[in-house]
Amino acid sequence: MRLLKESQPEFVSGEVLCKELGVSRTAVWKHIQALRAEGYDILSQQNAGYRLVGVPDRLYPQEILSGLKTEFIGRHIFYYPQAPSTNILARDLALSGAPDGALVVAEEQTGGRGRLGRGWFSPCGKGVWCSLILYPSVNPAAAPPLTMLTAVAVARAVQQAAGLVPGIKWPNDLLLGGKKICGILTEMSAEIERINYLIIGTGINVNLNGEDFPEEIRDSAASLKMFTGRDVSRIKLLQAYLQEMEQLYRIWLEEGFSPVLELWKEICVTLRRPVRVSSLKESVEGWAEDVDEEGNLILRLENGALRKFVAGEVSLRPF
């Protein structure tokens, strides 16, 4: 595949492939057939050789790694055509010693999960459904803001790959036109002073049409394609996300959450407006005053008192 890509748009002869790979013409032909079976459009012509015409819209590891500019995030990839949940698979892989920065990616999730125990619609070939495995050497109490860091990474990646500027609703929902295009679910295994592993699951709605969504979420969910009017490259989007994630993750490890929080605030749509924060026990309305260094939402209540929220579901209220 590397040789075919380097030769584009020209043909590469069977003789060159045999010489470069140290295999027979029969072996080359078998490999070409295997690539075609994976969806690659490869033209063969007598006395000319083979030419790569088209690449399938699949999140194959070789496509993700081609041109990826990271040092460790996304360098080890576990690919699945279908998975119950990439977070579940990532958990098992972390327990088995998967390397730091390993990526678990699936074309489809049959049991995708969102925050607060909700399901996440993850149809085949329509989005980026993935999980990262990380082993940060920090106190577990410092880890929660990583979900907000991930939201910034996804927002910046969307801008690069699709030319769209999403807003972030506290703590980590990405919105376009008021509708959710990305969800992030972070899970952690830790002891009192040490993180065993941390898994960041990300679901980005990329190329779904409006009618693809189940009826119950059509009013609240959207995809990048619905705003661009065209298909967005899932490979380019995922590569941009991995690169942004590594850059921000390093900043967080070296400088703390403050510089990342400033980036988060620049694209936040929750602050300086009336909101409602709902939990299992209560629903509170107030003015979203600020977010502190731990990522907690500071709400000014009607009586002027300030209240801190560690978690909850935010609804944006009219001014």
Protein backbone atom coordinates (compact mmCIF):
# COMPACT_ATOMS: atom_id res chain seq x y z
CA MET A 1 0.00 0.00 0.00
CA ARG A 2 2.87 2.37 0.77
CA LEU A 3 4.42 1.71 -2.65
CA LEU A 4 1.08 2.15 -4.41
CA LYS A 5 0.46 5.47 -2.62
CA GLU A 6 3.96 6.75 -3.36
CA SER A 7 3.45 5.98 -7.07
CA GLN A 8 0.09 7.76 -7.39
CA PRO A 9 -1.19 8.67 -9.91
CA GLU A 10 1.22 6.50 -11.89
CA PHE A 11 1.40 2.73 -12.17
CA VAL A 12 3.98 0.73 -10.24
CA SER A 13 5.17 -2.36 -12.06
CA GLY A 14 4.86 -5.87 -10.70
CA GLU A 15 8.61 -6.22 -11.12
CA VAL A 16 9.27 -3.25 -8.82
CA LEU A 17 6.83 -4.62 -6.22
CA CYS A 18 8.53 -8.03 -6.35
CA LYS A 19 11.96 -6.47 -5.93
CA GLU A 20 10.99 -4.06 -3.15
CA LEU A 21 9.07 -6.66 -1.16
CA GLY A 22 11.23 -9.67 -1.93
CA VAL A 23 8.29 -11.84 -3.01
CA SER A 24 7.09 -13.54 -6.17
CA ARG A 25 4.65 -12.11 -8.72
CA THR A 26 2.09 -14.61 -7.50
CA ALA A 27 2.47 -13.32 -3.94
CA VAL A 28 2.08 -9.72 -5.16
CA TRP A 29 -1.11 -10.66 -6.98
CA LYS A 30 -2.49 -12.34 -3.84
CA HIS A 31 -1.76 -9.23 -1.76
CA ILE A 32 -3.44 -7.04 -4.37
CA GLN A 33 -6.51 -9.28 -4.22
CA ALA A 34 -6.53 -9.04 -0.43
CA LEU A 35 -6.43 -5.23 -0.60
CA ARG A 36 -9.26 -5.22 -3.13
CA ALA A 37 -11.29 -7.39 -0.75
CA GLU A 38 -10.81 -4.70 1.90
CA GLY A 39 -12.31 -2.12 -0.46
CA TYR A 40 -9.25 -0.60 -2.13
CA ASP A 41 -9.79 0.24 -5.81
CA ILE A 42 -6.64 -0.95 -7.58
CA LEU A 43 -6.35 -0.92 -11.35
CA SER A 44 -4.13 -3.52 -13.02
CA GLN A 45 -2.84 -3.13 -16.56
CA GLN A 46 -0.64 -5.43 -18.59
CA ASN A 47 2.94 -4.17 -19.06
CA ALA A 48 2.19 -1.27 -16.67
CA GLY A 49 1.49 -2.87 -13.31
CA TYR A 50 -0.86 -1.62 -10.59
CA ARG A 51 -2.31 1.80 -9.79
CA LEU A 52 -4.23 2.86 -6.68
CA VAL A 53 -7.46 4.53 -7.78
CA GLY A 54 -9.47 4.80 -4.59
CA VAL A 55 -9.28 4.22 -0.85
CA PRO A 56 -12.29 2.86 1.08
CA ASP A 57 -13.99 4.93 3.76
CA ARG A 58 -12.78 2.64 6.51
CA LEU A 59 -10.77 3.39 9.64
CA TYR A 60 -8.09 0.83 8.83
CA PRO A 61 -4.93 1.11 10.98
CA GLN A 62 -2.70 1.54 7.91
CA GLU A 63 -4.80 4.54 6.81
CA ILE A 64 -4.81 6.13 10.26
CA LEU A 65 -1.04 5.73 10.60
CA SER A 66 -0.33 7.08 7.11
CA GLY A 67 0.63 10.71 7.75
CA LEU A 68 -0.19 10.63 11.48
CA LYS A 69 2.03 13.14 13.31
CA THR A 70 2.09 11.82 16.87
CA GLU A 71 4.77 10.23 19.01
CA PHE A 72 2.68 7.82 21.08
CA ILE A 73 -1.04 8.52 20.89
CA GLY A 74 -2.65 6.34 18.23
CA ARG A 75 0.59 4.52 17.40
CA HIS A 76 -0.86 1.17 18.49
CA ILE A 77 -4.28 0.56 16.98
CA PHE A 78 -6.84 -2.13 17.73
CA TYR A 79 -9.38 -2.14 14.89
CA TYR A 80 -12.80 -3.82 14.94
CA PRO A 81 -15.44 -3.85 12.18
CA GLN A 82 -18.01 -4.15 14.98
CA ALA A 83 -17.76 -3.85 18.75
CA PRO A 84 -20.22 -3.73 21.64
CA SER A 85 -18.38 -0.66 22.97
CA THR A 86 -14.83 0.55 22.35
CA ASN A 87 -14.59 1.54 26.03
CA ILE A 88 -15.36 -2.02 27.11
CA LEU A 89 -12.73 -3.42 24.76
CA ALA A 90 -10.23 -0.76 25.85
CA ARG A 91 -10.76 -1.74 29.48
CA ASP A 92 -9.87 -5.36 28.72
CA LEU A 93 -6.86 -4.29 26.67
CA ALA A 94 -5.61 -1.99 29.45
CA LEU A 95 -5.83 -4.88 31.92
CA SER A 96 -3.80 -6.96 29.46
CA GLY A 97 -1.04 -4.34 29.28
CA ALA A 98 -1.90 -2.38 26.13
CA PRO A 99 0.67 0.41 25.52
CA ASP A 100 0.19 4.02 26.55
CA GLY A 101 -1.76 5.95 23.93
CA ALA A 102 -3.26 2.83 22.34
CA LEU A 103 -6.33 3.48 20.18
CA VAL A 104 -9.37 1.22 20.00
CA VAL A 105 -11.56 2.01 17.00
CA ALA A 106 -14.69 0.38 15.58
CA GLU A 107 -16.73 0.96 12.45
CA GLU A 108 -19.88 0.25 14.46
CA GLN A 109 -20.88 -0.07 18.10
CA THR A 110 -23.83 -2.25 19.04
CA GLY A 111 -23.87 -1.04 22.63
CA GLY A 112 -22.30 2.41 22.57
CA ARG A 113 -22.60 4.29 25.84
CA GLY A 114 -22.83 7.95 26.74
CA ARG A 115 -22.73 9.88 29.99
CA LEU A 116 -25.20 9.21 32.81
CA GLY A 117 -25.80 5.66 31.57
CA ARG A 118 -27.36 6.68 28.28
CA GLY A 119 -26.87 4.79 25.01
CA TRP A 120 -24.93 6.23 22.07
CA PHE A 121 -26.15 5.64 18.51
CA SER A 122 -23.11 4.35 16.56
CA PRO A 123 -24.06 3.11 13.05
CA CYS A 124 -21.56 1.44 10.75
CA GLY A 125 -19.23 3.71 8.77
CA LYS A 126 -20.99 6.93 9.75
CA GLY A 127 -18.88 8.26 12.60
CA VAL A 128 -15.70 8.03 14.62
CA TRP A 129 -16.26 5.67 17.53
CA CYS A 130 -13.02 5.22 19.44
CA SER A 131 -11.31 4.99 22.82
CA LEU A 132 -7.83 5.96 23.99
CA ILE A 133 -5.93 4.10 26.71
CA LEU A 134 -3.74 6.33 28.88
CA TYR A 135 -1.60 5.85 31.99
CA PRO A 136 -1.01 9.38 33.33
CA SER A 137 1.36 9.68 36.28
CA VAL A 138 -0.87 12.05 38.24
CA ASN A 139 -3.02 11.85 41.33
CA PRO A 140 -6.48 10.43 40.47
CA ALA A 141 -8.08 13.62 41.82
CA ALA A 142 -6.42 15.57 38.98
CA ALA A 143 -7.87 13.39 36.21
CA PRO A 144 -11.53 14.59 35.83
CA PRO A 145 -10.66 17.67 33.69
CA LEU A 146 -9.33 15.30 31.00
CA THR A 147 -12.84 15.05 29.62
CA MET A 148 -12.85 18.81 29.04
CA LEU A 149 -9.38 18.59 27.49
CA THR A 150 -10.72 15.96 25.10
CA ALA A 151 -13.61 18.23 24.13
CA VAL A 152 -11.12 20.93 23.14
CA ALA A 153 -9.11 18.41 21.10
CA VAL A 154 -12.22 17.25 19.23
CA ALA A 155 -13.40 20.82 18.61
CA ARG A 156 -10.05 21.80 17.13
CA ALA A 157 -9.99 18.64 15.01
CA VAL A 158 -13.48 19.35 13.66
CA GLN A 159 -12.38 22.83 12.66
CA GLN A 160 -9.36 21.41 10.80
CA ALA A 161 -11.14 18.54 9.05
CA ALA A 162 -14.56 20.07 8.38
CA GLY A 163 -14.12 23.84 8.65
CA LEU A 164 -16.76 24.01 11.38
CA VAL A 165 -16.43 25.66 14.81
CA PRO A 166 -18.40 23.74 17.43
CA GLY A 167 -19.19 25.06 20.87
CA ILE A 168 -18.68 23.15 24.10
CA LYS A 169 -21.49 22.76 26.61
CA TRP A 170 -20.15 22.06 30.09
CA PRO A 171 -18.48 19.80 30.69
CA ASN A 172 -17.74 18.14 27.35
CA ASP A 173 -20.67 18.01 24.91
CA LEU A 174 -19.88 19.46 21.48
CA LEU A 175 -22.70 21.36 19.78
CA LEU A 176 -23.39 22.73 16.31
CA GLY A 177 -26.56 24.71 15.79
CA GLY A 178 -27.59 23.78 19.32
CA LYS A 179 -27.44 20.04 18.54
CA LYS A 180 -24.99 17.48 19.88
CA ILE A 181 -22.38 16.16 17.46
CA CYS A 182 -19.98 14.50 19.91
CA GLY A 183 -20.07 12.77 23.24
CA ILE A 184 -17.16 11.88 25.51
CA LEU A 185 -17.12 9.23 28.22
CA THR A 186 -14.09 8.91 30.50
CA GLU A 187 -13.59 5.89 32.75
CA MET A 188 -10.81 5.32 35.25
CA SER A 189 -9.37 2.56 37.38
CA ALA A 190 -7.36 3.94 40.27
CA GLU A 191 -6.05 3.43 43.76
CA ILE A 192 -5.88 6.22 46.34
CA GLU A 193 -2.71 7.80 44.93
CA ARG A 194 -2.24 6.10 41.56
CA ILE A 195 -4.14 5.73 38.30
CA ASN A 196 -4.09 2.16 36.97
CA TYR A 197 -5.48 3.20 33.61
CA LEU A 198 -7.70 5.85 32.10
CA ILE A 199 -9.96 5.35 29.09
CA ILE A 200 -11.37 8.21 27.04
CA GLY A 201 -14.22 7.16 24.77
CA THR A 202 -15.23 9.53 21.98
CA GLY A 203 -18.18 9.33 19.62
CA ILE A 204 -18.30 11.86 16.78
CA ASN A 205 -21.29 11.97 14.44
CA VAL A 206 -19.58 12.51 11.08
CA ASN A 207 -21.53 11.46 7.98
CA LEU A 208 -25.02 10.69 9.23
CA ASN A 209 -28.04 12.17 7.49
CA GLY A 210 -30.88 13.55 9.57
CA GLU A 211 -33.08 10.51 8.87
CA ASP A 212 -30.32 8.16 10.05
CA PHE A 213 -30.86 9.17 13.66
CA PRO A 214 -33.53 7.41 15.74
CA GLU A 215 -36.64 9.56 15.96
CA GLU A 216 -36.25 10.15 19.69
CA ILE A 217 -32.95 12.02 19.25
CA ARG A 218 -33.44 13.78 15.90
CA ASP A 219 -34.25 17.08 17.60
CA SER A 220 -31.11 17.00 19.75
CA ALA A 221 -28.44 15.26 17.62
CA ALA A 222 -26.68 16.23 14.40
CA SER A 223 -23.65 15.32 12.31
CA LEU A 224 -20.86 17.22 10.60
CA LYS A 225 -22.27 16.30 7.18
CA MET A 226 -25.57 18.02 8.03
CA PHE A 227 -23.65 21.31 8.32
CA THR A 228 -21.07 20.88 5.55
CA GLY A 229 -23.45 19.40 2.97
CA ARG A 230 -20.78 16.84 2.05
CA ASP A 231 -19.04 13.80 3.45
CA VAL A 232 -16.18 14.55 5.82
CA SER A 233 -13.09 12.35 5.80
CA ARG A 234 -13.24 10.25 8.95
CA ILE A 235 -9.56 9.39 8.61
CA LYS A 236 -8.49 13.06 8.48
CA LEU A 237 -10.79 13.90 11.38
CA LEU A 238 -9.45 11.06 13.51
CA GLN A 239 -5.84 11.94 12.69
CA ALA A 240 -6.45 15.58 13.62
CA TYR A 241 -8.08 14.51 16.89
CA LEU A 242 -5.16 12.25 17.84
CA GLN A 243 -2.64 14.99 17.06
CA GLU A 244 -4.55 17.64 19.01
CA MET A 245 -5.06 15.21 21.86
CA GLU A 246 -1.36 14.48 22.19
CA GLN A 247 -0.44 18.17 22.14
CA LEU A 248 -3.00 19.13 24.80
CA TYR A 249 -2.29 16.04 26.91
CA ARG A 250 1.40 16.95 27.07
CA ILE A 251 0.52 20.52 28.10
CA TRP A 252 -1.73 19.15 30.84
CA LEU A 253 0.98 16.81 32.15
CA GLU A 254 3.67 19.52 32.12
CA GLU A 255 1.75 22.70 33.01
CA GLY A 256 -1.50 21.56 34.58
CA PHE A 257 -5.07 22.23 33.49
CA SER A 258 -4.98 26.07 33.48
CA PRO A 259 -3.75 26.63 29.89
CA VAL A 260 -6.18 24.02 28.58
CA LEU A 261 -9.03 25.54 30.58
CA GLU A 262 -8.43 28.89 28.88
CA LEU A 263 -8.77 27.21 25.48
CA TRP A 264 -11.93 25.47 26.71
CA LYS A 265 -13.48 28.76 27.84
CA GLU A 266 -12.85 30.36 24.44
CA ILE A 267 -15.30 27.95 22.77
CA CYS A 268 -17.64 27.29 25.68
CA VAL A 269 -21.33 28.12 25.11
CA THR A 270 -22.38 27.59 28.74
CA LEU A 271 -20.74 30.49 30.54
CA ARG A 272 -22.24 33.95 31.15
CA ARG A 273 -25.80 32.87 30.50
CA PRO A 274 -28.78 31.36 32.37
CA VAL A 275 -28.71 27.57 32.65
CA ARG A 276 -30.38 24.71 34.43
CA VAL A 277 -28.23 22.00 36.04
CA SER A 278 -30.02 18.69 36.57
CA SER A 279 -28.94 15.65 38.56
CA LEU A 280 -30.71 12.53 39.78
CA LYS A 281 -31.78 14.38 42.93
CA GLU A 282 -32.54 17.95 41.86
CA SER A 283 -32.72 20.61 39.17
CA VAL A 284 -31.21 24.04 39.84
CA GLU A 285 -31.43 27.20 37.72
CA GLY A 286 -28.99 30.08 37.83
CA TRP A 287 -26.38 32.13 36.00
CA ALA A 288 -23.32 30.19 34.77
CA GLU A 289 -20.66 32.38 36.35
CA ASP A 290 -17.42 30.47 35.72
CA VAL A 291 -15.57 27.15 35.68
CA ASP A 292 -12.83 26.65 38.26
CA GLU A 293 -9.39 25.00 37.95
CA GLU A 294 -10.87 21.58 38.73
CA GLY A 295 -13.47 21.91 35.97
CA ASN A 296 -16.39 22.51 38.32
CA LEU A 297 -19.22 24.76 37.14
CA ILE A 298 -19.86 27.81 39.36
CA LEU A 299 -23.53 28.80 39.33
CA ARG A 300 -24.87 32.08 40.75
CA LEU A 301 -28.29 31.40 42.19
CA GLU A 302 -31.25 33.77 42.22
CA ASN A 303 -30.44 34.87 45.78
CA GLY A 304 -26.88 35.80 44.73
CA ALA A 305 -25.18 32.83 46.36
CA LEU A 306 -22.56 30.85 44.45
CA ARG A 307 -22.84 27.08 44.16
CA LYS A 308 -20.31 24.62 42.75
CA PHE A 309 -21.34 21.67 40.56
CA VAL A 310 -18.96 18.76 40.05
CA ALA A 311 -21.29 16.95 37.62
CA GLY A 312 -24.73 17.28 36.12
CA GLU A 313 -26.67 17.77 32.90
CA VAL A 314 -26.78 21.38 31.70
CA SER A 315 -29.68 22.86 29.77
CA LEU A 316 -29.16 26.27 28.19
CA ARG A 317 -31.96 28.65 29.14
CA PRO A 318 -33.20 31.71 27.18
CA PHE A 319 -31.87 35.11 28.26
